[in-house]
């Protein structure tokens, strides 16, 4: 389970985040490309834009549920 205390600093403020468990598998970037991107230097994903509508919210939730190492979290706001 993702831990807000270990989230990457690149994550924009908001509900979804990626923490240091990320293995750079690309699932979230493929599932929700409008919200997740890659830190090429760090070799991990992060949230660069919080969802702005129901479709993006659903795709972020799908990415979170599909993450093989549970590195995507939601603070529930």
PDB file of N, CA and C in Angstrom:
ATOM      1  N   UNK A   1       0.837  -1.178   0.000  1.00  0.00           N
ATOM      2  CA  UNK A   1       0.000   0.000   0.000  1.00  0.00           C
ATOM      3  C   UNK A   1       0.887   1.248   0.000  1.00  0.00           C
ATOM      4  N   UNK A   2       0.546   2.199  -0.868  1.00  0.00           N
ATOM      5  CA  UNK A   2       1.313   3.435  -0.963  1.00  0.00           C
ATOM      6  C   UNK A   2       1.268   4.206   0.356  1.00  0.00           C
ATOM      7  N   UNK A   3       2.376   4.887   0.644  1.00  0.00           N
ATOM      8  CA  UNK A   3       2.500   5.631   1.898  1.00  0.00           C
ATOM      9  C   UNK A   3       2.751   7.100   1.570  1.00  0.00           C
ATOM     10  N   UNK A   4       1.840   7.948   2.000  1.00  0.00           N
ATOM     11  CA  UNK A   4       1.956   9.382   1.723  1.00  0.00           C
ATOM     12  C   UNK A   4       3.270   9.958   2.249  1.00  0.00           C
ATOM     13  N   UNK A   5       3.804   9.379   3.305  1.00  0.00           N
ATOM     14  CA  UNK A   5       5.072   9.858   3.870  1.00  0.00           C
ATOM     15  C   UNK A   5       6.252   9.589   2.933  1.00  0.00           C
ATOM     16  N   UNK A   6       6.076   8.654   1.999  1.00  0.00           N
ATOM     17  CA  UNK A   6       7.153   8.297   1.075  1.00  0.00           C
ATOM     18  C   UNK A   6       6.865   8.717  -0.362  1.00  0.00           C
ATOM     19  N   UNK A   7       5.926   9.626  -0.558  1.00  0.00           N
ATOM     20  CA  UNK A   7       5.600  10.022  -1.929  1.00  0.00           C
ATOM     21  C   UNK A   7       6.725  10.867  -2.518  1.00  0.00           C
ATOM     22  N   UNK A   8       6.863  10.767  -3.838  1.00  0.00           N
ATOM     23  CA  UNK A   8       7.897  11.531  -4.523  1.00  0.00           C
ATOM     24  C   UNK A   8       7.560  13.018  -4.505  1.00  0.00           C
ATOM     25  N   UNK A   9       8.570  13.867  -4.365  1.00  0.00           N
ATOM     26  CA  UNK A   9       8.322  15.308  -4.305  1.00  0.00           C
ATOM     27  C   UNK A   9       7.786  15.901  -5.610  1.00  0.00           C
ATOM     28  N   UNK A  10       7.957  15.193  -6.718  1.00  0.00           N
ATOM     29  CA  UNK A  10       7.468  15.701  -8.007  1.00  0.00           C
ATOM     30  C   UNK A  10       5.945  15.660  -8.118  1.00  0.00           C
ATOM     31  N   UNK A  11       5.277  14.839  -7.308  1.00  0.00           N
ATOM     32  CA  UNK A  11       3.818  14.765  -7.355  1.00  0.00           C
ATOM     33  C   UNK A  11       3.212  16.138  -7.104  1.00  0.00           C
ATOM     34  N   UNK A  12       2.246  16.525  -7.940  1.00  0.00           N
ATOM     35  CA  UNK A  12       1.544  17.779  -7.677  1.00  0.00           C
ATOM     36  C   UNK A  12       0.591  17.566  -6.501  1.00  0.00           C
ATOM     37  N   UNK A  13       0.289  18.631  -5.827  1.00  0.00           N
ATOM     38  CA  UNK A  13      -0.602  18.567  -4.666  1.00  0.00           C
ATOM     39  C   UNK A  13      -1.987  18.099  -5.097  1.00  0.00           C
ATOM     40  N   UNK A  14      -2.538  17.172  -4.332  1.00  0.00           N
ATOM     41  CA  UNK A  14      -3.875  16.680  -4.616  1.00  0.00           C
ATOM     42  C   UNK A  14      -4.086  15.265  -4.143  1.00  0.00           C
ATOM     43  N   UNK A  15      -5.149  14.679  -4.591  1.00  0.00           N
ATOM     44  CA  UNK A  15      -5.622  13.377  -4.114  1.00  0.00           C
ATOM     45  C   UNK A  15      -4.660  12.225  -4.418  1.00  0.00           C
ATOM     46  N   UNK A  16      -4.190  12.122  -5.654  1.00  0.00           N
ATOM     47  CA  UNK A  16      -3.367  10.978  -6.063  1.00  0.00           C
ATOM     48  C   UNK A  16      -1.875  11.287  -5.966  1.00  0.00           C
ATOM     49  N   UNK A  17      -1.098  10.260  -5.700  1.00  0.00           N
ATOM     50  CA  UNK A  17       0.360  10.400  -5.631  1.00  0.00           C
ATOM     51  C   UNK A  17       1.015   9.058  -5.912  1.00  0.00           C
ATOM     52  N   UNK A  18       2.318   9.090  -6.192  1.00  0.00           N
ATOM     53  CA  UNK A  18       3.132   7.885  -6.370  1.00  0.00           C
ATOM     54  C   UNK A  18       4.226   7.927  -5.317  1.00  0.00           C
ATOM     55  N   UNK A  19       4.466   6.788  -4.661  1.00  0.00           N
ATOM     56  CA  UNK A  19       5.510   6.762  -3.641  1.00  0.00           C
ATOM     57  C   UNK A  19       6.740   5.987  -4.115  1.00  0.00           C
ATOM     58  N   UNK A  20       7.703   5.826  -3.211  1.00  0.00           N
ATOM     59  CA  UNK A  20       9.005   5.270  -3.580  1.00  0.00           C
ATOM     60  C   UNK A  20       9.011   3.761  -3.841  1.00  0.00           C
ATOM     61  N   UNK A  21       7.851   3.126  -3.857  1.00  0.00           N
ATOM     62  CA  UNK A  21       7.784   1.709  -4.211  1.00  0.00           C
ATOM     63  C   UNK A  21       7.718   1.506  -5.727  1.00  0.00           C
ATOM     64  N   UNK A  22       7.541   2.598  -6.486  1.00  0.00           N
ATOM     65  CA  UNK A  22       7.367   2.516  -7.940  1.00  0.00           C
ATOM     66  C   UNK A  22       8.535   1.785  -8.602  1.00  0.00           C
ATOM     67  N   UNK A  23       8.189   0.848  -9.489  1.00  0.00           N
ATOM     68  CA  UNK A  23       9.204   0.071 -10.214  1.00  0.00           C
ATOM     69  C   UNK A  23       9.285   0.488 -11.685  1.00  0.00           C
ATOM     70  N   UNK A  24       8.651   1.598 -12.034  1.00  0.00           N
ATOM     71  CA  UNK A  24       8.732   2.152 -13.388  1.00  0.00           C
ATOM     72  C   UNK A  24       8.204   1.179 -14.436  1.00  0.00           C
ATOM     73  N   UNK A  25       7.079   0.534 -14.137  1.00  0.00           N
ATOM     74  CA  UNK A  25       6.532  -0.479 -15.054  1.00  0.00           C
ATOM     75  C   UNK A  25       5.731   0.120 -16.205  1.00  0.00           C
ATOM     76  N   UNK A  26       5.351   1.403 -16.117  1.00  0.00           N
ATOM     77  CA  UNK A  26       4.651   2.123 -17.182  1.00  0.00           C
ATOM     78  C   UNK A  26       3.140   1.924 -17.182  1.00  0.00           C
ATOM     79  N   UNK A  27       2.589   1.089 -16.307  1.00  0.00           N
ATOM     80  CA  UNK A  27       1.148   0.840 -16.310  1.00  0.00           C
ATOM     81  C   UNK A  27       0.350   2.116 -16.088  1.00  0.00           C
ATOM     82  N   UNK A  28       0.720   2.917 -15.114  1.00  0.00           N
ATOM     83  CA  UNK A  28      -0.052   4.130 -14.832  1.00  0.00           C
ATOM     84  C   UNK A  28       0.055   5.134 -15.971  1.00  0.00           C
ATOM     85  N   UNK A  29       1.216   5.225 -16.577  1.00  0.00           N
ATOM     86  CA  UNK A  29       1.402   6.174 -17.682  1.00  0.00           C
ATOM     87  C   UNK A  29       0.603   5.754 -18.907  1.00  0.00           C
ATOM     88  N   UNK A  30       0.431   4.461 -19.092  1.00  0.00           N
ATOM     89  CA  UNK A  30      -0.382   3.979 -20.204  1.00  0.00           C
ATOM     90  C   UNK A  30      -1.871   4.092 -19.897  1.00  0.00           C
ATOM     91  N   UNK A  31      -2.241   3.858 -18.646  1.00  0.00           N
ATOM     92  CA  UNK A  31      -3.653   3.894 -18.243  1.00  0.00           C
ATOM     93  C   UNK A  31      -4.181   5.321 -18.157  1.00  0.00           C
ATOM     94  N   UNK A  32      -3.415   6.209 -17.569  1.00  0.00           N
ATOM     95  CA  UNK A  32      -3.848   7.596 -17.364  1.00  0.00           C
ATOM     96  C   UNK A  32      -2.748   8.569 -17.789  1.00  0.00           C
ATOM     97  N   UNK A  33      -2.466   8.631 -19.086  1.00  0.00           N
ATOM     98  CA  UNK A  33      -1.349   9.470 -19.557  1.00  0.00           C
ATOM     99  C   UNK A  33      -1.553  10.965 -19.337  1.00  0.00           C
ATOM    100  N   UNK A  34      -2.779  11.395 -19.123  1.00  0.00           N
ATOM    101  CA  UNK A  34      -3.030  12.811 -18.861  1.00  0.00           C
ATOM    102  C   UNK A  34      -2.649  13.206 -17.438  1.00  0.00           C
ATOM    103  N   UNK A  35      -2.360  12.204 -16.588  1.00  0.00           N
ATOM    104  CA  UNK A  35      -2.105  12.481 -15.179  1.00  0.00           C
ATOM    105  C   UNK A  35      -0.764  11.983 -14.657  1.00  0.00           C
ATOM    106  N   UNK A  36      -0.243  10.916 -15.252  1.00  0.00           N
ATOM    107  CA  UNK A  36       1.024  10.346 -14.798  1.00  0.00           C
ATOM    108  C   UNK A  36       2.094  10.558 -15.855  1.00  0.00           C
ATOM    109  N   UNK A  37       3.305  10.807 -15.404  1.00  0.00           N
ATOM    110  CA  UNK A  37       4.437  10.914 -16.312  1.00  0.00           C
ATOM    111  C   UNK A  37       5.651  10.282 -15.639  1.00  0.00           C
ATOM    112  N   UNK A  38       6.771  10.265 -16.365  1.00  0.00           N
ATOM    113  CA  UNK A  38       7.979   9.597 -15.874  1.00  0.00           C
ATOM    114  C   UNK A  38       9.044  10.608 -15.494  1.00  0.00           C
ATOM    115  N   UNK A  39       9.704  10.346 -14.386  1.00  0.00           N
ATOM    116  CA  UNK A  39      10.910  11.081 -14.020  1.00  0.00           C
ATOM    117  C   UNK A  39      12.064  10.297 -14.635  1.00  0.00           C
ATOM    118  N   UNK A  40      12.602  10.797 -15.733  1.00  0.00           N
ATOM    119  CA  UNK A  40      13.651  10.061 -16.443  1.00  0.00           C
ATOM    120  C   UNK A  40      14.918   9.910 -15.614  1.00  0.00           C
ATOM    121  N   UNK A  41      15.235  10.888 -14.802  1.00  0.00           N
ATOM    122  CA  UNK A  41      16.434  10.800 -13.967  1.00  0.00           C
ATOM    123  C   UNK A  41      16.259   9.799 -12.833  1.00  0.00           C
ATOM    124  N   UNK A  42      15.077   9.796 -12.223  1.00  0.00           N
ATOM    125  CA  UNK A  42      14.833   8.915 -11.080  1.00  0.00           C
ATOM    126  C   UNK A  42      14.324   7.537 -11.458  1.00  0.00           C
ATOM    127  N   UNK A  43      13.830   7.390 -12.699  1.00  0.00           N
ATOM    128  CA  UNK A  43      13.319   6.089 -13.139  1.00  0.00           C
ATOM    129  C   UNK A  43      12.050   5.679 -12.420  1.00  0.00           C
ATOM    130  N   UNK A  44      11.096   6.614 -12.307  1.00  0.00           N
ATOM    131  CA  UNK A  44       9.827   6.305 -11.659  1.00  0.00           C
ATOM    132  C   UNK A  44       8.750   7.232 -12.206  1.00  0.00           C
ATOM    133  N   UNK A  45       7.507   6.881 -11.927  1.00  0.00           N
ATOM    134  CA  UNK A  45       6.377   7.713 -12.330  1.00  0.00           C
ATOM    135  C   UNK A  45       5.999   8.656 -11.201  1.00  0.00           C
ATOM    136  N   UNK A  46       5.239   9.684 -11.578  1.00  0.00           N
ATOM    137  CA  UNK A  46       4.654  10.582 -10.587  1.00  0.00           C
ATOM    138  C   UNK A  46       3.428  11.251 -11.198  1.00  0.00           C
ATOM    139  N   UNK A  47       2.609  11.844 -10.355  1.00  0.00           N
ATOM    140  CA  UNK A  47       1.406  12.539 -10.808  1.00  0.00           C
ATOM    141  C   UNK A  47       1.803  13.974 -11.152  1.00  0.00           C
ATOM    142  N   UNK A  48       1.681  14.326 -12.439  1.00  0.00           N
ATOM    143  CA  UNK A  48       2.023  15.691 -12.852  1.00  0.00           C
ATOM    144  C   UNK A  48       0.785  16.572 -12.978  1.00  0.00           C
ATOM    145  N   UNK A  49      -0.399  15.941 -12.991  1.00  0.00           N
ATOM    146  CA  UNK A  49      -1.653  16.687 -13.045  1.00  0.00           C
ATOM    147  C   UNK A  49      -2.736  15.861 -12.374  1.00  0.00           C
ATOM    148  N   UNK A  50      -3.408  16.453 -11.406  1.00  0.00           N
ATOM    149  CA  UNK A  50      -4.509  15.770 -10.741  1.00  0.00           C
ATOM    150  C   UNK A  50      -5.698  15.699 -11.710  1.00  0.00           C
ATOM    151  N   UNK A  51      -6.547  14.676 -11.560  1.00  0.00           N
ATOM    152  CA  UNK A  51      -7.705  14.559 -12.462  1.00  0.00           C
ATOM    153  C   UNK A  51      -8.606  15.788 -12.387  1.00  0.00           C
ATOM    154  N   UNK A  52      -9.086  16.195 -13.567  1.00  0.00           N
ATOM    155  CA  UNK A  52      -9.932  17.385 -13.651  1.00  0.00           C
ATOM    156  C   UNK A  52     -11.378  17.065 -14.018  1.00  0.00           C
ATOM    157  N   UNK A  53     -11.666  15.776 -14.245  1.00  0.00           N
ATOM    158  CA  UNK A  53     -13.039  15.393 -14.574  1.00  0.00           C
ATOM    159  C   UNK A  53     -13.243  13.928 -14.187  1.00  0.00           C
ATOM    160  N   UNK A  54     -14.461  13.449 -14.333  1.00  0.00           N
ATOM    161  CA  UNK A  54     -14.796  12.086 -13.906  1.00  0.00           C
ATOM    162  C   UNK A  54     -14.029  11.032 -14.696  1.00  0.00           C
ATOM    163  N   UNK A  55     -13.796  11.278 -15.976  1.00  0.00           N
ATOM    164  CA  UNK A  55     -13.062  10.305 -16.783  1.00  0.00           C
ATOM    165  C   UNK A  55     -11.625  10.155 -16.294  1.00  0.00           C
ATOM    166  N   UNK A  56     -10.946  11.282 -16.071  1.00  0.00           N
ATOM    167  CA  UNK A  56      -9.573  11.228 -15.567  1.00  0.00           C
ATOM    168  C   UNK A  56      -9.524  10.597 -14.181  1.00  0.00           C
ATOM    169  N   UNK A  57     -10.493  10.914 -13.341  1.00  0.00           N
ATOM    170  CA  UNK A  57     -10.564  10.336 -11.990  1.00  0.00           C
ATOM    171  C   UNK A  57     -10.673   8.811 -12.087  1.00  0.00           C
ATOM    172  N   UNK A  58     -11.536   8.336 -12.980  1.00  0.00           N
ATOM    173  CA  UNK A  58     -11.703   6.898 -13.156  1.00  0.00           C
ATOM    174  C   UNK A  58     -10.442   6.221 -13.648  1.00  0.00           C
ATOM    175  N   UNK A  59      -9.728   6.871 -14.564  1.00  0.00           N
ATOM    176  CA  UNK A  59      -8.489   6.290 -15.083  1.00  0.00           C
ATOM    177  C   UNK A  59      -7.396   6.270 -14.014  1.00  0.00           C
ATOM    178  N   UNK A  60      -7.349   7.295 -13.178  1.00  0.00           N
ATOM    179  CA  UNK A  60      -6.377   7.304 -12.073  1.00  0.00           C
ATOM    180  C   UNK A  60      -6.680   6.184 -11.077  1.00  0.00           C
ATOM    181  N   UNK A  61      -7.964   5.982 -10.785  1.00  0.00           N
ATOM    182  CA  UNK A  61      -8.351   4.894  -9.878  1.00  0.00           C
ATOM    183  C   UNK A  61      -7.997   3.544 -10.494  1.00  0.00           C
ATOM    184  N   UNK A  62      -8.219   3.410 -11.812  1.00  0.00           N
ATOM    185  CA  UNK A  62      -7.871   2.164 -12.510  1.00  0.00           C
ATOM    186  C   UNK A  62      -6.363   1.918 -12.432  1.00  0.00           C
ATOM    187  N   UNK A  63      -5.569   2.963 -12.616  1.00  0.00           N
ATOM    188  CA  UNK A  63      -4.115   2.833 -12.515  1.00  0.00           C
ATOM    189  C   UNK A  63      -3.708   2.436 -11.098  1.00  0.00           C
ATOM    190  N   UNK A  64      -4.339   3.045 -10.108  1.00  0.00           N
ATOM    191  CA  UNK A  64      -4.019   2.731  -8.715  1.00  0.00           C
ATOM    192  C   UNK A  64      -4.341   1.272  -8.406  1.00  0.00           C
ATOM    193  N   UNK A  65      -5.498   0.811  -8.855  1.00  0.00           N
ATOM    194  CA  UNK A  65      -5.897  -0.573  -8.588  1.00  0.00           C
ATOM    195  C   UNK A  65      -5.039  -1.575  -9.352  1.00  0.00           C
ATOM    196  N   UNK A  66      -4.523  -1.178 -10.516  1.00  0.00           N
ATOM    197  CA  UNK A  66      -3.720  -2.084 -11.328  1.00  0.00           C
ATOM    198  C   UNK A  66      -2.240  -2.079 -11.017  1.00  0.00           C
ATOM    199  N   UNK A  67      -1.792  -1.125 -10.229  1.00  0.00           N
ATOM    200  CA  UNK A  67      -0.356  -1.007  -9.931  1.00  0.00           C
ATOM    201  C   UNK A  67       0.144  -2.289  -9.267  1.00  0.00           C
ATOM    202  N   UNK A  68       1.144  -2.951  -9.876  1.00  0.00           N
ATOM    203  CA  UNK A  68       1.591  -4.248  -9.343  1.00  0.00           C
ATOM    204  C   UNK A  68       2.295  -4.167  -7.988  1.00  0.00           C
ATOM    205  N   UNK A  69       2.779  -2.993  -7.612  1.00  0.00           N
ATOM    206  CA  UNK A  69       3.463  -2.876  -6.317  1.00  0.00           C
ATOM    207  C   UNK A  69       2.755  -1.906  -5.372  1.00  0.00           C
ATOM    208  N   UNK A  70       1.525  -1.504  -5.736  1.00  0.00           N
ATOM    209  CA  UNK A  70       0.709  -0.605  -4.914  1.00  0.00           C
ATOM    210  C   UNK A  70       1.449   0.679  -4.567  1.00  0.00           C
ATOM    211  N   UNK A  71       2.119   1.266  -5.563  1.00  0.00           N
ATOM    212  CA  UNK A  71       2.878   2.497  -5.348  1.00  0.00           C
ATOM    213  C   UNK A  71       2.042   3.749  -5.557  1.00  0.00           C
ATOM    214  N   UNK A  72       0.815   3.590  -6.029  1.00  0.00           N
ATOM    215  CA  UNK A  72      -0.064   4.735  -6.242  1.00  0.00           C
ATOM    216  C   UNK A  72      -1.023   4.831  -5.069  1.00  0.00           C
ATOM    217  N   UNK A  73      -1.090   6.024  -4.505  1.00  0.00           N
ATOM    218  CA  UNK A  73      -1.978   6.226  -3.369  1.00  0.00           C
ATOM    219  C   UNK A  73      -2.993   7.306  -3.623  1.00  0.00           C
ATOM    220  N   UNK A  74      -3.992   7.332  -2.764  1.00  0.00           N
ATOM    221  CA  UNK A  74      -5.024   8.360  -2.804  1.00  0.00           C
ATOM    222  C   UNK A  74      -5.300   8.772  -1.371  1.00  0.00           C
ATOM    223  N   UNK A  75      -5.240  10.068  -1.125  1.00  0.00           N
ATOM    224  CA  UNK A  75      -5.483  10.518   0.244  1.00  0.00           C
ATOM    225  C   UNK A  75      -6.953  10.729   0.542  1.00  0.00           C
ATOM    226  N   UNK A  76      -7.807  10.425  -0.448  1.00  0.00           N
ATOM    227  CA  UNK A  76      -9.232  10.442  -0.223  1.00  0.00           C
ATOM    228  C   UNK A  76      -9.907  11.794  -0.302  1.00  0.00           C
ATOM    229  N   UNK A  77      -9.169  12.845  -0.603  1.00  0.00           N
ATOM    230  CA  UNK A  77      -9.806  14.164  -0.689  1.00  0.00           C
ATOM    231  C   UNK A  77     -10.519  14.349  -1.996  1.00  0.00           C
TER     232      UNK A  77
END
